[in-house]
Amino acid sequence: MLLEGSCHCGAVTFKVNARHPYPFNRCYCSVCRKTAGGGGYAVNLGADADSLVVCGEEHIRVYHAVIDGATSPAERHFCQHCASCLWLHDPRWPALLHPFASAIDTPLPHPPEHVHLMLAARPDWVEVDAGPRDRCFDGYPDESLADWHQRLGLER
């Protein structure tokens, strides 16, 4: 599925092909909450890194989160003007790109279930709105983005 995205101010637009376009993960870790501004939808779409086409690349900056005292190699790309989170790329998995669902302008398919992860990091004020089919994890689930899409027959 071709995904088209942009930042809030319009300085950056991008296109990328995604085999795993359902926004089903809701992450409650401090990195996702503080860099993406809320209760999830951060790194839950899977796309082909080689298909990325960017306009306005000069407006992009990269953030490397510090996790458990170590700087992560994962690159969180964002607009330097409006701070919109755009995508994450991790050199440990160079073929993958993870667009932030919040930056996607293309209508995304509605997931039949959600995965709530990193609940052990959730502050008390953040409510978990889990549906009857949703799965909840204190840490990371064993199932990957690709496995989740395949199990539900949702690959595009």
N, C-alpha and C. Protein backbone atom coordinates (compact mmCIF):
# COMPACT_ATOMS: atom_id res chain seq x y z
N MET A 1 0.85 -1.17 0.00
CA MET A 1 0.00 0.00 0.00
C MET A 1 0.90 1.24 0.00
N LEU A 2 0.64 2.16 -0.89
CA LEU A 2 1.39 3.41 -0.93
C LEU A 2 0.87 4.34 0.16
N LEU A 3 1.78 4.77 1.03
CA LEU A 3 1.42 5.71 2.08
C LEU A 3 2.04 7.05 1.75
N GLU A 4 1.24 8.09 1.88
CA GLU A 4 1.73 9.45 1.71
C GLU A 4 1.60 10.15 3.05
N GLY A 5 2.67 10.87 3.44
CA GLY A 5 2.66 11.53 4.73
C GLY A 5 3.26 12.91 4.65
N SER A 6 3.11 13.63 5.76
CA SER A 6 3.64 14.99 5.83
C SER A 6 3.75 15.43 7.28
N CYS A 7 4.50 16.50 7.46
CA CYS A 7 4.55 17.13 8.78
C CYS A 7 3.39 18.12 8.87
N HIS A 8 3.17 18.69 10.04
CA HIS A 8 2.06 19.60 10.25
C HIS A 8 2.20 20.89 9.45
N CYS A 9 3.41 21.44 9.37
CA CYS A 9 3.59 22.72 8.69
C CYS A 9 3.75 22.59 7.17
N GLY A 10 3.90 21.37 6.67
CA GLY A 10 4.00 21.14 5.23
C GLY A 10 5.41 21.25 4.65
N ALA A 11 6.41 21.47 5.49
CA ALA A 11 7.78 21.58 5.00
C ALA A 11 8.31 20.25 4.48
N VAL A 12 7.78 19.14 5.02
CA VAL A 12 8.24 17.80 4.63
C VAL A 12 7.04 16.97 4.17
N THR A 13 7.19 16.35 3.01
CA THR A 13 6.22 15.35 2.55
C THR A 13 7.02 14.11 2.16
N PHE A 14 6.34 12.96 2.21
CA PHE A 14 7.02 11.72 1.84
C PHE A 14 6.03 10.69 1.36
N LYS A 15 6.58 9.71 0.63
CA LYS A 15 5.83 8.55 0.15
C LYS A 15 6.65 7.31 0.46
N VAL A 16 5.96 6.23 0.77
CA VAL A 16 6.65 4.97 1.06
C VAL A 16 5.67 3.81 0.85
N ASN A 17 6.18 2.68 0.39
CA ASN A 17 5.34 1.49 0.20
C ASN A 17 5.35 0.66 1.48
N ALA A 18 4.16 0.30 1.94
CA ALA A 18 4.02 -0.45 3.19
C ALA A 18 3.27 -1.76 2.97
N ARG A 19 3.90 -2.86 3.37
CA ARG A 19 3.22 -4.16 3.38
C ARG A 19 2.42 -4.34 4.66
N HIS A 20 2.74 -3.54 5.67
CA HIS A 20 2.12 -3.68 6.99
C HIS A 20 1.56 -2.33 7.43
N PRO A 21 0.40 -1.93 6.85
CA PRO A 21 -0.11 -0.58 7.05
C PRO A 21 -1.15 -0.39 8.17
N TYR A 22 -1.47 -1.44 8.92
CA TYR A 22 -2.50 -1.30 9.95
C TYR A 22 -1.91 -0.70 11.23
N PRO A 23 -2.44 0.42 11.71
CA PRO A 23 -1.93 1.03 12.94
C PRO A 23 -2.52 0.34 14.17
N PHE A 24 -1.91 -0.76 14.58
CA PHE A 24 -2.52 -1.59 15.63
C PHE A 24 -1.80 -1.52 16.96
N ASN A 25 -0.52 -1.12 16.98
CA ASN A 25 0.23 -1.05 18.23
C ASN A 25 -0.03 0.27 18.93
N ARG A 26 -0.23 0.18 20.23
CA ARG A 26 -0.32 1.37 21.06
C ARG A 26 0.75 1.23 22.14
N CYS A 27 1.81 2.00 22.01
CA CYS A 27 2.94 1.90 22.92
C CYS A 27 2.83 2.96 24.00
N TYR A 28 3.11 2.56 25.24
CA TYR A 28 3.00 3.45 26.39
C TYR A 28 4.35 3.79 27.01
N CYS A 29 5.45 3.51 26.29
CA CYS A 29 6.78 3.82 26.84
C CYS A 29 7.00 5.33 26.85
N SER A 30 7.98 5.77 27.64
CA SER A 30 8.23 7.21 27.76
C SER A 30 8.74 7.81 26.45
N VAL A 31 9.48 7.04 25.67
CA VAL A 31 10.00 7.58 24.41
C VAL A 31 8.84 7.89 23.46
N CYS A 32 7.94 6.95 23.28
CA CYS A 32 6.80 7.18 22.38
C CYS A 32 5.88 8.28 22.92
N ARG A 33 5.61 8.26 24.23
CA ARG A 33 4.74 9.29 24.81
C ARG A 33 5.33 10.68 24.67
N LYS A 34 6.63 10.81 24.94
CA LYS A 34 7.22 12.15 24.97
C LYS A 34 7.65 12.67 23.60
N THR A 35 8.05 11.79 22.69
CA THR A 35 8.47 12.27 21.37
C THR A 35 7.32 12.33 20.38
N ALA A 36 6.32 11.48 20.55
CA ALA A 36 5.21 11.46 19.62
C ALA A 36 3.95 12.06 20.23
N GLY A 37 4.02 12.43 21.48
CA GLY A 37 2.94 13.18 22.10
C GLY A 37 1.66 12.41 22.37
N GLY A 38 1.72 11.35 23.09
CA GLY A 38 0.47 10.70 23.46
C GLY A 38 0.62 9.26 23.81
N GLY A 39 -0.47 8.53 23.63
CA GLY A 39 -0.53 7.14 24.04
C GLY A 39 -0.33 6.16 22.92
N GLY A 40 0.65 6.36 22.10
CA GLY A 40 0.97 5.33 21.13
C GLY A 40 0.91 5.72 19.68
N TYR A 41 0.69 4.73 18.86
CA TYR A 41 0.68 4.85 17.41
C TYR A 41 2.01 5.31 16.86
N ALA A 42 3.07 5.08 17.59
CA ALA A 42 4.36 5.61 17.17
C ALA A 42 5.01 4.74 16.10
N VAL A 43 5.56 3.64 16.46
CA VAL A 43 6.34 2.84 15.53
C VAL A 43 5.56 1.55 15.25
N ASN A 44 4.49 1.67 14.48
CA ASN A 44 3.65 0.50 14.29
C ASN A 44 3.25 0.23 12.85
N LEU A 45 3.81 0.94 11.91
CA LEU A 45 3.59 0.66 10.50
C LEU A 45 4.91 0.16 9.93
N GLY A 46 4.85 -0.83 9.07
CA GLY A 46 6.08 -1.37 8.48
C GLY A 46 6.14 -1.09 6.99
N ALA A 47 7.21 -0.44 6.55
CA ALA A 47 7.35 -0.07 5.14
C ALA A 47 8.73 -0.47 4.62
N ASP A 48 8.86 -0.43 3.31
CA ASP A 48 10.10 -0.75 2.62
C ASP A 48 10.99 0.50 2.58
N ALA A 49 12.11 0.47 3.29
CA ALA A 49 12.98 1.64 3.38
C ALA A 49 13.45 2.12 2.01
N ASP A 50 13.70 1.20 1.09
CA ASP A 50 14.19 1.59 -0.25
C ASP A 50 13.16 2.34 -1.07
N SER A 51 11.89 2.28 -0.67
CA SER A 51 10.84 2.95 -1.44
C SER A 51 10.59 4.39 -0.99
N LEU A 52 11.25 4.83 0.07
CA LEU A 52 11.02 6.16 0.62
C LEU A 52 11.43 7.26 -0.35
N VAL A 53 10.50 8.18 -0.61
CA VAL A 53 10.75 9.37 -1.43
C VAL A 53 10.37 10.57 -0.56
N VAL A 54 11.30 11.51 -0.39
CA VAL A 54 11.09 12.65 0.51
C VAL A 54 11.23 13.96 -0.25
N CYS A 55 10.33 14.88 0.02
CA CYS A 55 10.46 16.27 -0.44
C CYS A 55 10.62 17.12 0.82
N GLY A 56 11.61 17.98 0.81
CA GLY A 56 11.88 18.83 1.98
C GLY A 56 12.82 18.18 2.97
N GLU A 57 13.68 17.31 2.47
CA GLU A 57 14.61 16.58 3.35
C GLU A 57 15.49 17.52 4.18
N GLU A 58 15.77 18.71 3.67
CA GLU A 58 16.62 19.65 4.40
C GLU A 58 15.96 20.15 5.69
N HIS A 59 14.66 19.91 5.87
CA HIS A 59 13.93 20.33 7.06
C HIS A 59 13.86 19.24 8.12
N ILE A 60 14.48 18.10 7.84
CA ILE A 60 14.40 16.95 8.75
C ILE A 60 15.58 16.94 9.71
N ARG A 61 15.29 16.62 10.94
CA ARG A 61 16.31 16.37 11.95
C ARG A 61 16.07 14.97 12.51
N VAL A 62 17.09 14.44 13.19
CA VAL A 62 17.04 13.07 13.71
C VAL A 62 17.30 13.08 15.21
N TYR A 63 16.52 12.29 15.93
CA TYR A 63 16.69 12.13 17.37
C TYR A 63 17.00 10.67 17.67
N HIS A 64 18.01 10.45 18.51
CA HIS A 64 18.36 9.12 19.01
C HIS A 64 17.99 9.09 20.49
N ALA A 65 16.99 8.30 20.83
CA ALA A 65 16.54 8.22 22.22
C ALA A 65 17.60 7.55 23.09
N VAL A 66 17.63 7.93 24.35
CA VAL A 66 18.46 7.26 25.34
C VAL A 66 17.56 6.30 26.09
N ILE A 67 17.90 5.02 26.02
CA ILE A 67 17.09 3.98 26.64
C ILE A 67 17.97 3.20 27.61
N ASP A 68 17.56 3.17 28.86
CA ASP A 68 18.33 2.50 29.91
C ASP A 68 19.79 2.96 29.93
N GLY A 69 20.01 4.26 29.73
CA GLY A 69 21.34 4.84 29.81
C GLY A 69 22.18 4.74 28.55
N ALA A 70 21.68 4.07 27.51
CA ALA A 70 22.44 3.92 26.26
C ALA A 70 21.71 4.62 25.12
N THR A 71 22.47 5.23 24.24
CA THR A 71 21.88 5.89 23.07
C THR A 71 21.48 4.84 22.05
N SER A 72 20.22 4.88 21.66
CA SER A 72 19.69 3.93 20.68
C SER A 72 20.20 4.29 19.28
N PRO A 73 20.52 3.28 18.46
CA PRO A 73 20.90 3.57 17.07
C PRO A 73 19.68 3.94 16.21
N ALA A 74 18.48 3.68 16.71
CA ALA A 74 17.27 4.00 15.95
C ALA A 74 17.17 5.51 15.74
N GLU A 75 16.85 5.89 14.52
CA GLU A 75 16.77 7.29 14.12
C GLU A 75 15.31 7.71 14.00
N ARG A 76 14.88 8.59 14.88
CA ARG A 76 13.52 9.13 14.83
C ARG A 76 13.58 10.44 14.05
N HIS A 77 13.02 10.43 12.85
CA HIS A 77 13.04 11.61 11.98
C HIS A 77 11.85 12.50 12.29
N PHE A 78 12.12 13.82 12.36
CA PHE A 78 11.06 14.78 12.66
C PHE A 78 11.33 16.09 11.92
N CYS A 79 10.31 16.90 11.77
CA CYS A 79 10.44 18.20 11.12
C CYS A 79 11.06 19.19 12.10
N GLN A 80 12.09 19.90 11.67
CA GLN A 80 12.76 20.88 12.54
C GLN A 80 11.90 22.10 12.84
N HIS A 81 10.86 22.33 12.05
CA HIS A 81 10.03 23.52 12.22
C HIS A 81 8.83 23.28 13.14
N CYS A 82 8.10 22.23 12.89
CA CYS A 82 6.88 21.98 13.67
C CYS A 82 6.99 20.78 14.61
N ALA A 83 8.10 20.08 14.56
CA ALA A 83 8.41 18.94 15.44
C ALA A 83 7.54 17.70 15.19
N SER A 84 6.86 17.65 14.04
CA SER A 84 6.07 16.45 13.73
C SER A 84 6.97 15.24 13.59
N CYS A 85 6.61 14.15 14.24
CA CYS A 85 7.33 12.89 14.08
C CYS A 85 6.95 12.30 12.73
N LEU A 86 7.94 11.86 11.96
CA LEU A 86 7.70 11.39 10.60
C LEU A 86 7.88 9.88 10.45
N TRP A 87 9.07 9.39 10.76
CA TRP A 87 9.32 7.95 10.68
C TRP A 87 10.53 7.60 11.54
N LEU A 88 10.65 6.32 11.80
CA LEU A 88 11.80 5.77 12.49
C LEU A 88 12.52 4.82 11.55
N HIS A 89 13.84 4.92 11.53
CA HIS A 89 14.66 3.96 10.78
C HIS A 89 15.74 3.47 11.72
N ASP A 90 15.95 2.17 11.73
CA ASP A 90 16.95 1.58 12.61
C ASP A 90 17.97 0.84 11.76
N PRO A 91 19.23 1.24 11.78
CA PRO A 91 20.24 0.60 10.93
C PRO A 91 20.44 -0.89 11.23
N ARG A 92 19.94 -1.36 12.37
CA ARG A 92 20.02 -2.80 12.66
C ARG A 92 19.09 -3.61 11.75
N TRP A 93 18.06 -2.95 11.21
CA TRP A 93 17.13 -3.57 10.26
C TRP A 93 16.99 -2.61 9.08
N PRO A 94 18.02 -2.53 8.23
CA PRO A 94 18.08 -1.48 7.20
C PRO A 94 16.99 -1.53 6.14
N ALA A 95 16.38 -2.67 5.93
CA ALA A 95 15.33 -2.77 4.91
C ALA A 95 14.00 -2.20 5.38
N LEU A 96 13.85 -1.99 6.68
CA LEU A 96 12.57 -1.54 7.24
C LEU A 96 12.56 -0.05 7.54
N LEU A 97 11.39 0.53 7.38
CA LEU A 97 11.13 1.90 7.78
C LEU A 97 9.81 1.88 8.52
N HIS A 98 9.70 2.65 9.59
CA HIS A 98 8.48 2.66 10.38
C HIS A 98 7.89 4.06 10.42
N PRO A 99 6.98 4.36 9.48
CA PRO A 99 6.31 5.67 9.51
C PRO A 99 5.44 5.80 10.77
N PHE A 100 5.41 6.99 11.31
CA PHE A 100 4.50 7.27 12.41
C PHE A 100 3.10 7.42 11.81
N ALA A 101 2.15 6.67 12.32
CA ALA A 101 0.79 6.72 11.78
C ALA A 101 0.24 8.14 11.83
N SER A 102 0.66 8.91 12.82
CA SER A 102 0.17 10.28 12.96
C SER A 102 0.61 11.18 11.81
N ALA A 103 1.65 10.80 11.07
CA ALA A 103 2.14 11.62 9.95
C ALA A 103 1.53 11.20 8.61
N ILE A 104 0.79 10.11 8.60
CA ILE A 104 0.25 9.58 7.34
C ILE A 104 -1.04 10.30 6.96
N ASP A 105 -1.09 10.77 5.71
CA ASP A 105 -2.26 11.46 5.18
C ASP A 105 -3.19 10.51 4.42
N THR A 106 -2.65 9.39 3.96
CA THR A 106 -3.44 8.37 3.27
C THR A 106 -4.38 7.72 4.28
N PRO A 107 -5.64 7.49 3.93
CA PRO A 107 -6.51 6.78 4.87
C PRO A 107 -5.93 5.40 5.18
N LEU A 108 -5.77 5.12 6.45
CA LEU A 108 -5.22 3.83 6.89
C LEU A 108 -6.35 2.85 7.18
N PRO A 109 -6.09 1.57 6.97
CA PRO A 109 -7.12 0.57 7.26
C PRO A 109 -7.34 0.44 8.77
N HIS A 110 -8.57 0.14 9.15
CA HIS A 110 -8.94 0.00 10.55
C HIS A 110 -8.52 -1.38 11.05
N PRO A 111 -7.70 -1.46 12.09
CA PRO A 111 -7.26 -2.76 12.60
C PRO A 111 -8.38 -3.48 13.34
N PRO A 112 -8.47 -4.81 13.17
CA PRO A 112 -9.51 -5.58 13.85
C PRO A 112 -9.22 -5.77 15.35
N GLU A 113 -7.99 -5.52 15.76
CA GLU A 113 -7.62 -5.60 17.16
C GLU A 113 -6.40 -4.71 17.37
N HIS A 114 -6.12 -4.38 18.62
CA HIS A 114 -4.95 -3.58 18.97
C HIS A 114 -4.06 -4.36 19.92
N VAL A 115 -2.80 -3.97 19.93
CA VAL A 115 -1.83 -4.50 20.88
C VAL A 115 -1.37 -3.32 21.73
N HIS A 116 -1.59 -3.41 23.03
CA HIS A 116 -1.15 -2.39 23.98
C HIS A 116 0.14 -2.92 24.59
N LEU A 117 1.25 -2.19 24.35
CA LEU A 117 2.54 -2.68 24.81
C LEU A 117 3.26 -1.67 25.68
N MET A 118 4.22 -2.18 26.42
CA MET A 118 5.00 -1.38 27.36
C MET A 118 4.11 -0.77 28.45
N LEU A 119 3.11 -1.54 28.86
CA LEU A 119 2.19 -1.04 29.88
C LEU A 119 2.87 -0.83 31.23
N ALA A 120 3.97 -1.52 31.49
CA ALA A 120 4.69 -1.32 32.74
C ALA A 120 5.27 0.09 32.82
N ALA A 121 5.43 0.75 31.70
CA ALA A 121 5.97 2.11 31.65
C ALA A 121 4.88 3.18 31.65
N ARG A 122 3.64 2.76 31.66
CA ARG A 122 2.51 3.68 31.58
C ARG A 122 2.32 4.43 32.89
N PRO A 123 2.26 5.77 32.83
CA PRO A 123 1.97 6.52 34.05
C PRO A 123 0.49 6.33 34.44
N ASP A 124 0.20 6.57 35.70
CA ASP A 124 -1.17 6.35 36.20
C ASP A 124 -2.23 7.16 35.48
N TRP A 125 -1.88 8.35 35.00
CA TRP A 125 -2.88 9.21 34.37
C TRP A 125 -3.27 8.76 32.97
N VAL A 126 -2.49 7.87 32.36
CA VAL A 126 -2.79 7.39 31.00
C VAL A 126 -3.72 6.18 31.10
N GLU A 127 -4.89 6.32 30.52
CA GLU A 127 -5.87 5.23 30.53
C GLU A 127 -5.63 4.29 29.36
N VAL A 128 -5.86 3.01 29.59
CA VAL A 128 -5.77 2.00 28.55
C VAL A 128 -7.19 1.71 28.10
N ASP A 129 -7.46 2.00 26.84
CA ASP A 129 -8.79 1.77 26.28
C ASP A 129 -8.74 0.48 25.45
N ALA A 130 -8.62 -0.64 26.13
CA ALA A 130 -8.49 -1.93 25.46
C ALA A 130 -9.87 -2.51 25.14
N GLY A 131 -10.02 -2.93 23.89
CA GLY A 131 -11.26 -3.57 23.46
C GLY A 131 -11.24 -5.06 23.78
N PRO A 132 -12.33 -5.74 23.53
CA PRO A 132 -12.43 -7.16 23.89
C PRO A 132 -11.46 -8.07 23.14
N ARG A 133 -11.03 -7.69 21.94
CA ARG A 133 -10.08 -8.51 21.16
C ARG A 133 -8.63 -8.06 21.35
N ASP A 134 -8.44 -6.96 22.04
CA ASP A 134 -7.09 -6.41 22.20
C ASP A 134 -6.24 -7.28 23.12
N ARG A 135 -4.93 -7.18 22.89
CA ARG A 135 -3.95 -7.91 23.71
C ARG A 135 -3.09 -6.89 24.43
N CYS A 136 -2.74 -7.18 25.68
CA CYS A 136 -1.99 -6.24 26.51
C CYS A 136 -0.69 -6.89 27.02
N PHE A 137 0.40 -6.12 27.02
CA PHE A 137 1.71 -6.62 27.42
C PHE A 137 2.42 -5.58 28.28
N ASP A 138 3.05 -6.03 29.35
CA ASP A 138 3.86 -5.13 30.18
C ASP A 138 5.10 -4.66 29.42
N GLY A 139 5.63 -5.51 28.55
CA GLY A 139 6.80 -5.18 27.73
C GLY A 139 6.44 -5.29 26.26
N TYR A 140 7.36 -5.86 25.49
CA TYR A 140 7.12 -6.05 24.06
C TYR A 140 6.46 -7.41 23.82
N PRO A 141 5.53 -7.49 22.87
CA PRO A 141 4.96 -8.80 22.52
C PRO A 141 5.96 -9.61 21.70
N ASP A 142 5.78 -10.92 21.67
CA ASP A 142 6.64 -11.78 20.86
C ASP A 142 6.33 -11.66 19.37
N GLU A 143 5.14 -11.25 19.05
CA GLU A 143 4.68 -11.18 17.66
C GLU A 143 5.16 -9.89 16.99
N SER A 144 5.81 -10.02 15.84
CA SER A 144 6.30 -8.85 15.10
C SER A 144 5.17 -8.18 14.32
N LEU A 145 5.47 -7.01 13.75
CA LEU A 145 4.50 -6.34 12.87
C LEU A 145 4.08 -7.26 11.73
N ALA A 146 5.07 -7.88 11.09
CA ALA A 146 4.79 -8.77 9.97
C ALA A 146 3.97 -9.97 10.42
N ASP A 147 4.31 -10.56 11.57
CA ASP A 147 3.58 -11.73 12.08
C ASP A 147 2.13 -11.37 12.39
N TRP A 148 1.91 -10.20 12.98
CA TRP A 148 0.55 -9.76 13.31
C TRP A 148 -0.28 -9.63 12.04
N HIS A 149 0.25 -8.96 11.03
CA HIS A 149 -0.46 -8.79 9.76
C HIS A 149 -0.73 -10.15 9.10
N GLN A 150 0.26 -11.04 9.15
CA GLN A 150 0.10 -12.37 8.53
C GLN A 150 -0.95 -13.20 9.26
N ARG A 151 -0.91 -13.20 10.60
CA ARG A 151 -1.87 -13.99 11.39
C ARG A 151 -3.31 -13.58 11.07
N LEU A 152 -3.52 -12.32 10.83
CA LEU A 152 -4.87 -11.81 10.57
C LEU A 152 -5.18 -11.72 9.07
N GLY A 153 -4.25 -12.16 8.22
CA GLY A 153 -4.46 -12.12 6.77
C GLY A 153 -4.57 -10.71 6.22
N LEU A 154 -3.77 -9.79 6.74
CA LEU A 154 -3.91 -8.37 6.41
C LEU A 154 -2.74 -7.81 5.60
N GLU A 155 -1.82 -8.64 5.11
CA GLU A 155 -0.71 -8.11 4.33
C GLU A 155 -1.21 -7.52 3.03
N ARG A 156 -0.58 -6.45 2.62
CA ARG A 156 -0.99 -5.76 1.39
C ARG A 156 0.05 -5.95 0.31
